[in-house]
């Protein structure tokens, strides 16, 4: 699972704060998913990186 792009909330284009993330484009999902959806998915199915 790899994040390819992020969209921030309206009016927060130059923000560096992760709280301002609205949605994330994940390689393999083929569409933007809300930050909360990605969080819920990872809680249910943790992804472990080896190496």
C-alpha atoms as a PDB file:
ATOM      1  CA  UNK A   1       0.000   0.000   0.000  1.00  0.00           C
ATOM      2  CA  UNK A   2       1.492   3.299  -1.086  1.00  0.00           C
ATOM      3  CA  UNK A   3       0.056   6.826  -0.954  1.00  0.00           C
ATOM      4  CA  UNK A   4       0.549   8.481  -4.351  1.00  0.00           C
ATOM      5  CA  UNK A   5      -1.219  11.838  -3.874  1.00  0.00           C
ATOM      6  CA  UNK A   6      -3.039  13.763  -1.172  1.00  0.00           C
ATOM      7  CA  UNK A   7      -5.741  16.420  -1.265  1.00  0.00           C
ATOM      8  CA  UNK A   8      -6.024  18.970   1.506  1.00  0.00           C
ATOM      9  CA  UNK A   9      -9.149  20.651   2.791  1.00  0.00           C
ATOM     10  CA  UNK A  10     -10.373  23.743   0.917  1.00  0.00           C
ATOM     11  CA  UNK A  11      -8.409  26.864   1.843  1.00  0.00           C
ATOM     12  CA  UNK A  12      -5.435  24.877   3.165  1.00  0.00           C
ATOM     13  CA  UNK A  13      -3.412  24.470  -0.022  1.00  0.00           C
ATOM     14  CA  UNK A  14      -0.082  25.495   1.513  1.00  0.00           C
ATOM     15  CA  UNK A  15      -0.592  23.806   4.889  1.00  0.00           C
ATOM     16  CA  UNK A  16       2.002  21.320   6.094  1.00  0.00           C
ATOM     17  CA  UNK A  17      -0.286  20.071   8.872  1.00  0.00           C
ATOM     18  CA  UNK A  18      -1.548  16.490   8.573  1.00  0.00           C
ATOM     19  CA  UNK A  19      -4.833  17.563  10.169  1.00  0.00           C
ATOM     20  CA  UNK A  20      -5.622  19.401   6.934  1.00  0.00           C
ATOM     21  CA  UNK A  21      -5.488  16.246   4.768  1.00  0.00           C
ATOM     22  CA  UNK A  22      -8.894  15.556   3.229  1.00  0.00           C
ATOM     23  CA  UNK A  23      -8.287  12.505   1.048  1.00  0.00           C
ATOM     24  CA  UNK A  24      -5.490  10.205  -0.082  1.00  0.00           C
ATOM     25  CA  UNK A  25      -4.901   8.449  -3.389  1.00  0.00           C
ATOM     26  CA  UNK A  26      -3.647   4.960  -2.593  1.00  0.00           C
ATOM     27  CA  UNK A  27      -1.935   2.849  -5.247  1.00  0.00           C
ATOM     28  CA  UNK A  28      -4.256  -0.087  -5.848  1.00  0.00           C
ATOM     29  CA  UNK A  29      -7.510   1.627  -4.787  1.00  0.00           C
ATOM     30  CA  UNK A  30      -7.631   3.644  -8.041  1.00  0.00           C
ATOM     31  CA  UNK A  31      -9.462   6.582  -6.479  1.00  0.00           C
ATOM     32  CA  UNK A  32      -9.158   9.102  -3.673  1.00  0.00           C
ATOM     33  CA  UNK A  33     -10.307   7.848  -0.273  1.00  0.00           C
ATOM     34  CA  UNK A  34     -11.145  10.030   2.696  1.00  0.00           C
ATOM     35  CA  UNK A  35      -8.432  10.113   5.351  1.00  0.00           C
ATOM     36  CA  UNK A  36     -10.825   8.509   7.843  1.00  0.00           C
ATOM     37  CA  UNK A  37     -11.565   5.614   5.461  1.00  0.00           C
ATOM     38  CA  UNK A  38      -7.847   4.890   5.052  1.00  0.00           C
ATOM     39  CA  UNK A  39      -7.388   4.982   8.835  1.00  0.00           C
ATOM     40  CA  UNK A  40     -10.291   2.574   9.411  1.00  0.00           C
ATOM     41  CA  UNK A  41      -8.937   0.217   6.733  1.00  0.00           C
ATOM     42  CA  UNK A  42      -5.475   0.176   8.313  1.00  0.00           C
ATOM     43  CA  UNK A  43      -6.890  -0.472  11.787  1.00  0.00           C
ATOM     44  CA  UNK A  44      -8.737  -3.539  10.452  1.00  0.00           C
ATOM     45  CA  UNK A  45      -5.924  -4.765   8.178  1.00  0.00           C
ATOM     46  CA  UNK A  46      -2.529  -3.523   9.344  1.00  0.00           C
ATOM     47  CA  UNK A  47       0.141  -3.306   6.663  1.00  0.00           C
ATOM     48  CA  UNK A  48       3.615  -4.365   7.666  1.00  0.00           C
ATOM     49  CA  UNK A  49       6.685  -3.371   5.697  1.00  0.00           C
ATOM     50  CA  UNK A  50       9.682  -5.634   5.802  1.00  0.00           C
ATOM     51  CA  UNK A  51      12.998  -4.475   4.588  1.00  0.00           C
END
